[in-house]
PDB file of all heavy atoms in Angstrom:
ATOM      1  N   SER A   1       0.797  -1.229   0.000  1.00  0.00           N
ATOM      2  CA  SER A   1       0.000   0.000   0.000  1.00  0.00           C
ATOM      3  C   SER A   1       0.825   1.273   0.000  1.00  0.00           C
ATOM      4  O   SER A   1       0.305   2.335  -0.345  1.00  0.00           O
ATOM      5  CB  SER A   1      -0.932   0.008   1.221  1.00  0.00           C
ATOM      6  OG  SER A   1      -1.831  -1.087   1.170  1.00  0.00           O
ATOM      7  N   GLY A   2       2.075   1.198   0.429  1.00  0.00           N
ATOM      8  CA  GLY A   2       2.837   2.433   0.509  1.00  0.00           C
ATOM      9  C   GLY A   2       4.312   2.181   0.750  1.00  0.00           C
ATOM     10  O   GLY A   2       4.742   1.047   1.015  1.00  0.00           O
ATOM     11  N   LEU A   3       5.079   3.246   0.655  1.00  0.00           N
ATOM     12  CA  LEU A   3       6.509   3.223   0.930  1.00  0.00           C
ATOM     13  C   LEU A   3       6.812   4.260   1.998  1.00  0.00           C
ATOM     14  O   LEU A   3       6.097   5.258   2.135  1.00  0.00           O
ATOM     15  CB  LEU A   3       7.306   3.509  -0.341  1.00  0.00           C
ATOM     16  CG  LEU A   3       7.060   2.525  -1.495  1.00  0.00           C
ATOM     17  CD1 LEU A   3       7.822   2.955  -2.736  1.00  0.00           C
ATOM     18  CD2 LEU A   3       7.444   1.105  -1.106  1.00  0.00           C
ATOM     19  N   TYR A   4       7.866   4.017   2.743  1.00  0.00           N
ATOM     20  CA  TYR A   4       8.182   4.828   3.921  1.00  0.00           C
ATOM     21  C   TYR A   4       9.567   5.436   3.783  1.00  0.00           C
ATOM     22  O   TYR A   4      10.548   4.718   3.548  1.00  0.00           O
ATOM     23  CB  TYR A   4       8.113   3.948   5.173  1.00  0.00           C
ATOM     24  CG  TYR A   4       8.609   4.604   6.430  1.00  0.00           C
ATOM     25  CD1 TYR A   4       7.889   5.616   7.038  1.00  0.00           C
ATOM     26  CD2 TYR A   4       9.809   4.207   7.021  1.00  0.00           C
ATOM     27  CE1 TYR A   4       8.343   6.231   8.212  1.00  0.00           C
ATOM     28  CE2 TYR A   4      10.265   4.805   8.185  1.00  0.00           C
ATOM     29  CZ  TYR A   4       9.538   5.811   8.769  1.00  0.00           C
ATOM     30  OH  TYR A   4       9.987   6.405   9.915  1.00  0.00           O
ATOM     31  N   TRP A   5       9.656   6.759   3.926  1.00  0.00           N
ATOM     32  CA  TRP A   5      10.939   7.451   3.896  1.00  0.00           C
ATOM     33  C   TRP A   5      11.592   7.318   5.260  1.00  0.00           C
ATOM     34  O   TRP A   5      11.095   7.830   6.265  1.00  0.00           O
ATOM     35  CB  TRP A   5      10.748   8.912   3.515  1.00  0.00           C
ATOM     36  CG  TRP A   5      12.012   9.707   3.405  1.00  0.00           C
ATOM     37  CD1 TRP A   5      12.374  10.774   4.177  1.00  0.00           C
ATOM     38  CD2 TRP A   5      13.075   9.508   2.472  1.00  0.00           C
ATOM     39  NE1 TRP A   5      13.592  11.260   3.778  1.00  0.00           N
ATOM     40  CE2 TRP A   5      14.054  10.498   2.727  1.00  0.00           C
ATOM     41  CE3 TRP A   5      13.305   8.599   1.436  1.00  0.00           C
ATOM     42  CZ2 TRP A   5      15.234  10.605   2.000  1.00  0.00           C
ATOM     43  CZ3 TRP A   5      14.481   8.703   0.707  1.00  0.00           C
ATOM     44  CH2 TRP A   5      15.423   9.698   0.991  1.00  0.00           C
ATOM     45  N   LEU A   6      12.734   6.624   5.310  1.00  0.00           N
ATOM     46  CA  LEU A   6      13.319   6.229   6.583  1.00  0.00           C
ATOM     47  C   LEU A   6      13.971   7.391   7.327  1.00  0.00           C
ATOM     48  O   LEU A   6      13.961   7.417   8.566  1.00  0.00           O
ATOM     49  CB  LEU A   6      14.340   5.117   6.348  1.00  0.00           C
ATOM     50  CG  LEU A   6      14.956   4.478   7.595  1.00  0.00           C
ATOM     51  CD1 LEU A   6      13.879   3.860   8.483  1.00  0.00           C
ATOM     52  CD2 LEU A   6      15.973   3.413   7.188  1.00  0.00           C
ATOM     53  N   ASP A   7      14.567   8.343   6.624  1.00  0.00           N
ATOM     54  CA  ASP A   7      15.195   9.486   7.294  1.00  0.00           C
ATOM     55  C   ASP A   7      14.118  10.271   8.039  1.00  0.00           C
ATOM     56  O   ASP A   7      13.109  10.673   7.451  1.00  0.00           O
ATOM     57  CB  ASP A   7      15.893  10.370   6.263  1.00  0.00           C
ATOM     58  CG  ASP A   7      16.798  11.400   6.902  1.00  0.00           C
ATOM     59  OD1 ASP A   7      16.878  11.441   8.143  1.00  0.00           O
ATOM     60  OD2 ASP A   7      17.422  12.178   6.157  1.00  0.00           O
ATOM     61  N   GLU A   8      14.335  10.546   9.327  1.00  0.00           N
ATOM     62  CA  GLU A   8      13.281  11.103  10.171  1.00  0.00           C
ATOM     63  C   GLU A   8      13.239  12.619  10.191  1.00  0.00           C
ATOM     64  O   GLU A   8      12.527  13.210  11.009  1.00  0.00           O
ATOM     65  CB  GLU A   8      13.401  10.551  11.591  1.00  0.00           C
ATOM     66  CG  GLU A   8      13.133   9.059  11.670  1.00  0.00           C
ATOM     67  CD  GLU A   8      13.193   8.520  13.093  1.00  0.00           C
ATOM     68  OE1 GLU A   8      13.542   9.298  14.013  1.00  0.00           O
ATOM     69  OE2 GLU A   8      12.884   7.339  13.288  1.00  0.00           O
ATOM     70  N   GLN A   9      13.968  13.273   9.307  1.00  0.00           N
ATOM     71  CA  GLN A   9      13.839  14.714   9.177  1.00  0.00           C
ATOM     72  C   GLN A   9      14.179  15.112   7.746  1.00  0.00           C
ATOM     73  O   GLN A   9      14.759  14.328   6.987  1.00  0.00           O
ATOM     74  CB  GLN A   9      14.737  15.457  10.156  1.00  0.00           C
ATOM     75  CG  GLN A   9      16.221  15.382   9.872  1.00  0.00           C
ATOM     76  CD  GLN A   9      17.023  16.291  10.792  1.00  0.00           C
ATOM     77  OE1 GLN A   9      16.504  16.907  11.731  1.00  0.00           O
ATOM     78  NE2 GLN A   9      18.313  16.404  10.533  1.00  0.00           N
ATOM     79  N   VAL A  10      13.794  16.324   7.374  1.00  0.00           N
ATOM     80  CA  VAL A  10      14.228  16.880   6.102  1.00  0.00           C
ATOM     81  C   VAL A  10      15.698  17.248   6.263  1.00  0.00           C
ATOM     82  O   VAL A  10      16.082  17.877   7.246  1.00  0.00           O
ATOM     83  CB  VAL A  10      13.399  18.128   5.730  1.00  0.00           C
ATOM     84  CG1 VAL A  10      13.917  18.746   4.432  1.00  0.00           C
ATOM     85  CG2 VAL A  10      11.921  17.757   5.594  1.00  0.00           C
ATOM     86  N   SER A  11      16.513  16.846   5.311  1.00  0.00           N
ATOM     87  CA  SER A  11      17.941  17.133   5.418  1.00  0.00           C
ATOM     88  C   SER A  11      18.175  18.633   5.584  1.00  0.00           C
ATOM     89  O   SER A  11      17.491  19.460   4.981  1.00  0.00           O
ATOM     90  CB  SER A  11      18.677  16.634   4.181  1.00  0.00           C
ATOM     91  OG  SER A  11      20.013  17.106   4.164  1.00  0.00           O
ATOM     92  N   THR A  12      19.161  18.976   6.396  1.00  0.00           N
ATOM     93  CA  THR A  12      19.498  20.383   6.600  1.00  0.00           C
ATOM     94  C   THR A  12      20.263  20.979   5.421  1.00  0.00           C
ATOM     95  O   THR A  12      20.509  22.179   5.391  1.00  0.00           O
ATOM     96  CB  THR A  12      20.338  20.555   7.878  1.00  0.00           C
ATOM     97  OG1 THR A  12      21.529  19.753   7.761  1.00  0.00           O
ATOM     98  CG2 THR A  12      19.553  20.129   9.106  1.00  0.00           C
ATOM     99  N   SER A  13      20.648  20.161   4.450  1.00  0.00           N
ATOM    100  CA  SER A  13      21.332  20.685   3.275  1.00  0.00           C
ATOM    101  C   SER A  13      20.354  21.471   2.405  1.00  0.00           C
ATOM    102  O   SER A  13      19.130  21.310   2.506  1.00  0.00           O
ATOM    103  CB  SER A  13      21.937  19.551   2.447  1.00  0.00           C
ATOM    104  OG  SER A  13      20.929  18.818   1.786  1.00  0.00           O
ATOM    105  N   ALA A  14      20.883  22.286   1.521  1.00  0.00           N
ATOM    106  CA  ALA A  14      20.031  23.096   0.647  1.00  0.00           C
ATOM    107  C   ALA A  14      19.166  22.233  -0.257  1.00  0.00           C
ATOM    108  O   ALA A  14      18.065  22.640  -0.643  1.00  0.00           O
ATOM    109  CB  ALA A  14      20.903  24.025  -0.200  1.00  0.00           C
ATOM    110  N   SER A  15      19.628  21.024  -0.587  1.00  0.00           N
ATOM    111  CA  SER A  15      18.879  20.159  -1.497  1.00  0.00           C
ATOM    112  C   SER A  15      17.931  19.209  -0.772  1.00  0.00           C
ATOM    113  O   SER A  15      17.311  18.361  -1.415  1.00  0.00           O
ATOM    114  CB  SER A  15      19.846  19.345  -2.362  1.00  0.00           C
ATOM    115  OG  SER A  15      20.635  18.480  -1.556  1.00  0.00           O
ATOM    116  N   GLY A  16      17.808  19.335   0.556  1.00  0.00           N
ATOM    117  CA  GLY A  16      16.954  18.420   1.309  1.00  0.00           C
ATOM    118  C   GLY A  16      15.517  18.373   0.821  1.00  0.00           C
ATOM    119  O   GLY A  16      15.000  17.310   0.467  1.00  0.00           O
ATOM    120  N   PRO A  17      14.819  19.509   0.774  1.00  0.00           N
ATOM    121  CA  PRO A  17      13.436  19.487   0.276  1.00  0.00           C
ATOM    122  C   PRO A  17      13.341  19.021  -1.177  1.00  0.00           C
ATOM    123  O   PRO A  17      12.414  18.298  -1.547  1.00  0.00           O
ATOM    124  CB  PRO A  17      12.993  20.945   0.431  1.00  0.00           C
ATOM    125  CG  PRO A  17      13.858  21.495   1.518  1.00  0.00           C
ATOM    126  CD  PRO A  17      15.181  20.826   1.325  1.00  0.00           C
ATOM    127  N   GLU A  18      14.306  19.421  -1.995  1.00  0.00           N
ATOM    128  CA  GLU A  18      14.293  19.039  -3.410  1.00  0.00           C
ATOM    129  C   GLU A  18      14.403  17.520  -3.562  1.00  0.00           C
ATOM    130  O   GLU A  18      13.693  16.900  -4.376  1.00  0.00           O
ATOM    131  CB  GLU A  18      15.443  19.734  -4.126  1.00  0.00           C
ATOM    132  CG  GLU A  18      15.486  19.506  -5.623  1.00  0.00           C
ATOM    133  CD  GLU A  18      16.665  20.218  -6.278  1.00  0.00           C
ATOM    134  OE1 GLU A  18      17.447  20.893  -5.553  1.00  0.00           O
ATOM    135  OE2 GLU A  18      16.799  20.086  -7.509  1.00  0.00           O
ATOM    136  N   THR A  19      15.282  16.910  -2.776  1.00  0.00           N
ATOM    137  CA  THR A  19      15.420  15.457  -2.821  1.00  0.00           C
ATOM    138  C   THR A  19      14.108  14.774  -2.480  1.00  0.00           C
ATOM    139  O   THR A  19      13.686  13.828  -3.150  1.00  0.00           O
ATOM    140  CB  THR A  19      16.530  15.001  -1.859  1.00  0.00           C
ATOM    141  OG1 THR A  19      17.795  15.476  -2.322  1.00  0.00           O
ATOM    142  CG2 THR A  19      16.577  13.485  -1.751  1.00  0.00           C
ATOM    143  N   LEU A  20      13.447  15.250  -1.443  1.00  0.00           N
ATOM    144  CA  LEU A  20      12.182  14.630  -1.049  1.00  0.00           C
ATOM    145  C   LEU A  20      11.108  14.803  -2.114  1.00  0.00           C
ATOM    146  O   LEU A  20      10.272  13.917  -2.305  1.00  0.00           O
ATOM    147  CB  LEU A  20      11.713  15.206   0.286  1.00  0.00           C
ATOM    148  CG  LEU A  20      12.199  14.435   1.518  1.00  0.00           C
ATOM    149  CD1 LEU A  20      11.809  15.153   2.798  1.00  0.00           C
ATOM    150  CD2 LEU A  20      11.625  13.029   1.521  1.00  0.00           C
ATOM    151  N   ARG A  21      11.104  15.916  -2.796  1.00  0.00           N
ATOM    152  CA  ARG A  21      10.135  16.092  -3.884  1.00  0.00           C
ATOM    153  C   ARG A  21      10.383  15.081  -5.006  1.00  0.00           C
ATOM    154  O   ARG A  21       9.434  14.553  -5.601  1.00  0.00           O
ATOM    155  CB  ARG A  21      10.179  17.530  -4.409  1.00  0.00           C
ATOM    156  CG  ARG A  21       9.625  18.558  -3.425  1.00  0.00           C
ATOM    157  CD  ARG A  21       9.507  19.944  -4.040  1.00  0.00           C
ATOM    158  NE  ARG A  21       8.937  20.884  -3.092  1.00  0.00           N
ATOM    159  CZ  ARG A  21       9.641  21.697  -2.305  1.00  0.00           C
ATOM    160  NH1 ARG A  21      10.978  21.694  -2.397  1.00  0.00           N
ATOM    161  NH2 ARG A  21       9.054  22.512  -1.462  1.00  0.00           N
ATOM    162  N   HIS A  22      11.640  14.805  -5.286  1.00  0.00           N
ATOM    163  CA  HIS A  22      11.964  13.793  -6.295  1.00  0.00           C
ATOM    164  C   HIS A  22      11.565  12.398  -5.811  1.00  0.00           C
ATOM    165  O   HIS A  22      11.073  11.579  -6.596  1.00  0.00           O
ATOM    166  CB  HIS A  22      13.459  13.841  -6.624  1.00  0.00           C
ATOM    167  CG  HIS A  22      13.847  14.960  -7.527  1.00  0.00           C
ATOM    168  ND1 HIS A  22      14.062  14.796  -8.879  1.00  0.00           N
ATOM    169  CD2 HIS A  22      14.046  16.277  -7.285  1.00  0.00           C
ATOM    170  CE1 HIS A  22      14.385  15.950  -9.433  1.00  0.00           C
ATOM    171  NE2 HIS A  22      14.392  16.870  -8.480  1.00  0.00           N
ATOM    172  N   VAL A  23      11.787  12.121  -4.528  1.00  0.00           N
ATOM    173  CA  VAL A  23      11.406  10.825  -3.964  1.00  0.00           C
ATOM    174  C   VAL A  23       9.889  10.640  -4.031  1.00  0.00           C
ATOM    175  O   VAL A  23       9.388   9.587  -4.458  1.00  0.00           O
ATOM    176  CB  VAL A  23      11.899  10.701  -2.513  1.00  0.00           C
ATOM    177  CG1 VAL A  23      11.288   9.471  -1.835  1.00  0.00           C
ATOM    178  CG2 VAL A  23      13.425  10.621  -2.475  1.00  0.00           C
ATOM    179  N   SER A  24       9.148  11.649  -3.606  1.00  0.00           N
ATOM    180  CA  SER A  24       7.688  11.531  -3.615  1.00  0.00           C
ATOM    181  C   SER A  24       7.161  11.373  -5.036  1.00  0.00           C
ATOM    182  O   SER A  24       6.197  10.618  -5.274  1.00  0.00           O
ATOM    183  CB  SER A  24       7.045  12.743  -2.935  1.00  0.00           C
ATOM    184  OG  SER A  24       7.333  13.944  -3.624  1.00  0.00           O
ATOM    185  N   ALA A  25       7.776  12.042  -6.004  1.00  0.00           N
ATOM    186  CA  ALA A  25       7.350  11.885  -7.394  1.00  0.00           C
ATOM    187  C   ALA A  25       7.558  10.449  -7.863  1.00  0.00           C
ATOM    188  O   ALA A  25       6.695   9.869  -8.543  1.00  0.00           O
ATOM    189  CB  ALA A  25       8.118  12.855  -8.286  1.00  0.00           C
ATOM    190  N   ALA A  26       8.695   9.861  -7.496  1.00  0.00           N
ATOM    191  CA  ALA A  26       8.959   8.473  -7.876  1.00  0.00           C
ATOM    192  C   ALA A  26       7.941   7.525  -7.244  1.00  0.00           C
ATOM    193  O   ALA A  26       7.461   6.583  -7.889  1.00  0.00           O
ATOM    194  CB  ALA A  26      10.379   8.087  -7.465  1.00  0.00           C
ATOM    195  N   VAL A  27       7.603   7.761  -5.986  1.00  0.00           N
ATOM    196  CA  VAL A  27       6.621   6.926  -5.283  1.00  0.00           C
ATOM    197  C   VAL A  27       5.249   7.051  -5.943  1.00  0.00           C
ATOM    198  O   VAL A  27       4.571   6.054  -6.223  1.00  0.00           O
ATOM    199  CB  VAL A  27       6.552   7.308  -3.796  1.00  0.00           C
ATOM    200  CG1 VAL A  27       5.383   6.616  -3.107  1.00  0.00           C
ATOM    201  CG2 VAL A  27       7.864   6.964  -3.099  1.00  0.00           C
ATOM    202  N   HIS A  28       4.838   8.273  -6.223  1.00  0.00           N
ATOM    203  CA  HIS A  28       3.518   8.497  -6.808  1.00  0.00           C
ATOM    204  C   HIS A  28       3.431   7.976  -8.241  1.00  0.00           C
ATOM    205  O   HIS A  28       2.380   7.478  -8.670  1.00  0.00           O
ATOM    206  CB  HIS A  28       3.171   9.983  -6.759  1.00  0.00           C
ATOM    207  CG  HIS A  28       3.057  10.517  -5.374  1.00  0.00           C
ATOM    208  ND1 HIS A  28       3.301  11.835  -5.041  1.00  0.00           N
ATOM    209  CD2 HIS A  28       2.735   9.903  -4.201  1.00  0.00           C
ATOM    210  CE1 HIS A  28       3.126  12.006  -3.743  1.00  0.00           C
ATOM    211  NE2 HIS A  28       2.787  10.852  -3.214  1.00  0.00           N
ATOM    212  N   ASP A  29       4.530   8.064  -8.978  1.00  0.00           N
ATOM    213  CA  ASP A  29       4.540   7.529 -10.345  1.00  0.00           C
ATOM    214  C   ASP A  29       4.277   6.029 -10.360  1.00  0.00           C
ATOM    215  O   ASP A  29       3.805   5.480 -11.366  1.00  0.00           O
ATOM    216  CB  ASP A  29       5.885   7.809 -11.015  1.00  0.00           C
ATOM    217  CG  ASP A  29       6.056   9.272 -11.402  1.00  0.00           C
ATOM    218  OD1 ASP A  29       5.047  10.012 -11.368  1.00  0.00           O
ATOM    219  OD2 ASP A  29       7.193   9.674 -11.717  1.00  0.00           O
ATOM    220  N   ASN A  30       4.583   5.375  -9.253  1.00  0.00           N
ATOM    221  CA  ASN A  30       4.367   3.928  -9.154  1.00  0.00           C
ATOM    222  C   ASN A  30       3.068   3.573  -8.435  1.00  0.00           C
ATOM    223  O   ASN A  30       2.832   2.399  -8.128  1.00  0.00           O
ATOM    224  CB  ASN A  30       5.555   3.281  -8.444  1.00  0.00           C
ATOM    225  CG  ASN A  30       6.760   3.142  -9.346  1.00  0.00           C
ATOM    226  OD1 ASN A  30       6.878   2.159 -10.079  1.00  0.00           O
ATOM    227  ND2 ASN A  30       7.651   4.123  -9.321  1.00  0.00           N
ATOM    228  N   GLY A  31       2.252   4.583  -8.147  1.00  0.00           N
ATOM    229  CA  GLY A  31       0.930   4.331  -7.603  1.00  0.00           C
ATOM    230  C   GLY A  31       0.866   4.089  -6.114  1.00  0.00           C
ATOM    231  O   GLY A  31      -0.137   3.566  -5.612  1.00  0.00           O
ATOM    232  N   PHE A  32       1.910   4.474  -5.364  1.00  0.00           N
ATOM    233  CA  PHE A  32       1.929   4.248  -3.923  1.00  0.00           C
ATOM    234  C   PHE A  32       1.781   5.555  -3.153  1.00  0.00           C
ATOM    235  O   PHE A  32       1.976   6.650  -3.692  1.00  0.00           O
ATOM    236  CB  PHE A  32       3.238   3.567  -3.501  1.00  0.00           C
ATOM    237  CG  PHE A  32       3.454   2.222  -4.113  1.00  0.00           C
ATOM    238  CD1 PHE A  32       4.574   1.984  -4.899  1.00  0.00           C
ATOM    239  CD2 PHE A  32       2.553   1.198  -3.926  1.00  0.00           C
ATOM    240  CE1 PHE A  32       4.790   0.745  -5.479  1.00  0.00           C
ATOM    241  CE2 PHE A  32       2.747  -0.051  -4.497  1.00  0.00           C
ATOM    242  CZ  PHE A  32       3.879  -0.279  -5.284  1.00  0.00           C
ATOM    243  N   LYS A  33       1.474   5.433  -1.885  1.00  0.00           N
ATOM    244  CA  LYS A  33       1.479   6.553  -0.954  1.00  0.00           C
ATOM    245  C   LYS A  33       2.834   6.592  -0.247  1.00  0.00           C
ATOM    246  O   LYS A  33       3.442   5.556   0.019  1.00  0.00           O
ATOM    247  CB  LYS A  33       0.351   6.425   0.078  1.00  0.00           C
ATOM    248  CG  LYS A  33      -1.045   6.428  -0.526  1.00  0.00           C
ATOM    249  CD  LYS A  33      -1.356   7.736  -1.226  1.00  0.00           C
ATOM    250  CE  LYS A  33      -2.787   7.770  -1.748  1.00  0.00           C
ATOM    251  NZ  LYS A  33      -3.079   9.029  -2.469  1.00  0.00           N
ATOM    252  N   LEU A  34       3.270   7.801   0.089  1.00  0.00           N
ATOM    253  CA  LEU A  34       4.541   7.968   0.787  1.00  0.00           C
ATOM    254  C   LEU A  34       4.275   8.305   2.246  1.00  0.00           C
ATOM    255  O   LEU A  34       3.600   9.290   2.558  1.00  0.00           O
ATOM    256  CB  LEU A  34       5.372   9.069   0.130  1.00  0.00           C
ATOM    257  CG  LEU A  34       6.767   9.320   0.737  1.00  0.00           C
ATOM    258  CD1 LEU A  34       7.618   8.056   0.696  1.00  0.00           C
ATOM    259  CD2 LEU A  34       7.468  10.459   0.012  1.00  0.00           C
ATOM    260  N   PHE A  35       4.832   7.491   3.155  1.00  0.00           N
ATOM    261  CA  PHE A  35       4.656   7.639   4.598  1.00  0.00           C
ATOM    262  C   PHE A  35       5.936   8.204   5.220  1.00  0.00           C
ATOM    263  O   PHE A  35       7.036   8.015   4.716  1.00  0.00           O
ATOM    264  CB  PHE A  35       4.346   6.281   5.240  1.00  0.00           C
ATOM    265  CG  PHE A  35       2.984   5.735   4.898  1.00  0.00           C
ATOM    266  CD1 PHE A  35       2.707   5.224   3.634  1.00  0.00           C
ATOM    267  CD2 PHE A  35       1.969   5.712   5.845  1.00  0.00           C
ATOM    268  CE1 PHE A  35       1.463   4.711   3.319  1.00  0.00           C
ATOM    269  CE2 PHE A  35       0.715   5.203   5.548  1.00  0.00           C
ATOM    270  CZ  PHE A  35       0.464   4.705   4.279  1.00  0.00           C
ATOM    271  N   TRP A  36       5.745   8.848   6.383  1.00  0.00           N
ATOM    272  CA  TRP A  36       6.891   9.462   7.079  1.00  0.00           C
ATOM    273  C   TRP A  36       6.546   9.596   8.556  1.00  0.00           C
ATOM    274  O   TRP A  36       5.397   9.883   8.922  1.00  0.00           O
ATOM    275  CB  TRP A  36       7.175  10.836   6.486  1.00  0.00           C
ATOM    276  CG  TRP A  36       8.457  11.483   6.892  1.00  0.00           C
ATOM    277  CD1 TRP A  36       9.681  10.896   6.989  1.00  0.00           C
ATOM    278  CD2 TRP A  36       8.657  12.868   7.224  1.00  0.00           C
ATOM    279  NE1 TRP A  36      10.634  11.820   7.359  1.00  0.00           N
ATOM    280  CE2 TRP A  36      10.038  13.037   7.495  1.00  0.00           C
ATOM    281  CE3 TRP A  36       7.821  13.978   7.285  1.00  0.00           C
ATOM    282  CZ2 TRP A  36      10.578  14.260   7.860  1.00  0.00           C
ATOM    283  CZ3 TRP A  36       8.359  15.197   7.639  1.00  0.00           C
ATOM    284  CH2 TRP A  36       9.716  15.337   7.918  1.00  0.00           C
ATOM    285  N   ILE A  37       7.563   9.390   9.438  1.00  0.00           N
ATOM    286  CA  ILE A  37       7.363   9.527  10.886  1.00  0.00           C
ATOM    287  C   ILE A  37       8.512  10.359  11.445  1.00  0.00           C
ATOM    288  O   ILE A  37       9.512   9.817  11.950  1.00  0.00           O
ATOM    289  CB  ILE A  37       7.275   8.150  11.575  1.00  0.00           C
ATOM    290  CG1 ILE A  37       6.255   7.254  10.873  1.00  0.00           C
ATOM    291  CG2 ILE A  37       6.885   8.303  13.044  1.00  0.00           C
ATOM    292  CD1 ILE A  37       6.180   5.842  11.434  1.00  0.00           C
ATOM    293  N   PRO A  38       8.428  11.683  11.379  1.00  0.00           N
ATOM    294  CA  PRO A  38       9.528  12.533  11.861  1.00  0.00           C
ATOM    295  C   PRO A  38       9.602  12.559  13.383  1.00  0.00           C
ATOM    296  O   PRO A  38       8.584  12.467  14.070  1.00  0.00           O
ATOM    297  CB  PRO A  38       9.154  13.909  11.314  1.00  0.00           C
ATOM    298  CG  PRO A  38       7.658  13.881  11.245  1.00  0.00           C
ATOM    299  CD  PRO A  38       7.300  12.475  10.855  1.00  0.00           C
ATOM    300  N   HIS A  39      10.819  12.706  13.903  1.00  0.00           N
ATOM    301  CA  HIS A  39      10.982  12.809  15.351  1.00  0.00           C
ATOM    302  C   HIS A  39      10.619  14.213  15.821  1.00  0.00           C
ATOM    303  O   HIS A  39      10.421  15.137  15.028  1.00  0.00           O
ATOM    304  CB  HIS A  39      12.398  12.416  15.781  1.00  0.00           C
ATOM    305  CG  HIS A  39      13.497  13.231  15.187  1.00  0.00           C
ATOM    306  ND1 HIS A  39      13.799  14.510  15.616  1.00  0.00           N
ATOM    307  CD2 HIS A  39      14.391  12.963  14.212  1.00  0.00           C
ATOM    308  CE1 HIS A  39      14.819  14.985  14.951  1.00  0.00           C
ATOM    309  NE2 HIS A  39      15.202  14.075  14.076  1.00  0.00           N
ATOM    310  N   PHE A  40      10.536  14.388  17.132  1.00  0.00           N
ATOM    311  CA  PHE A  40      10.017  15.628  17.708  1.00  0.00           C
ATOM    312  C   PHE A  40      10.840  16.844  17.300  1.00  0.00           C
ATOM    313  O   PHE A  40      10.305  17.930  17.089  1.00  0.00           O
ATOM    314  CB  PHE A  40       9.972  15.519  19.238  1.00  0.00           C
ATOM    315  CG  PHE A  40       9.330  16.698  19.912  1.00  0.00           C
ATOM    316  CD1 PHE A  40       7.954  16.746  20.078  1.00  0.00           C
ATOM    317  CD2 PHE A  40      10.083  17.769  20.375  1.00  0.00           C
ATOM    318  CE1 PHE A  40       7.340  17.837  20.688  1.00  0.00           C
ATOM    319  CE2 PHE A  40       9.487  18.862  20.989  1.00  0.00           C
ATOM    320  CZ  PHE A  40       8.108  18.887  21.137  1.00  0.00           C
ATOM    321  N   LEU A  41      12.155  16.679  17.200  1.00  0.00           N
ATOM    322  CA  LEU A  41      13.023  17.794  16.842  1.00  0.00           C
ATOM    323  C   LEU A  41      13.477  17.703  15.379  1.00  0.00           C
ATOM    324  O   LEU A  41      14.566  18.155  15.023  1.00  0.00           O
ATOM    325  CB  LEU A  41      14.231  17.836  17.773  1.00  0.00           C
ATOM    326  CG  LEU A  41      13.913  18.135  19.242  1.00  0.00           C
ATOM    327  CD1 LEU A  41      15.174  18.058  20.090  1.00  0.00           C
ATOM    328  CD2 LEU A  41      13.253  19.497  19.399  1.00  0.00           C
TER     329      LEU A  41
END
């Protein structure tokens, strides 16, 4: 039913959000939902 992004935060690098957008596009292109469980900080 879905795939899970294991890294528990958005990377602090400048490309962190961009990488996740590419990951989510790949997941959605294959018909899955993307799950995430970020830590408190």
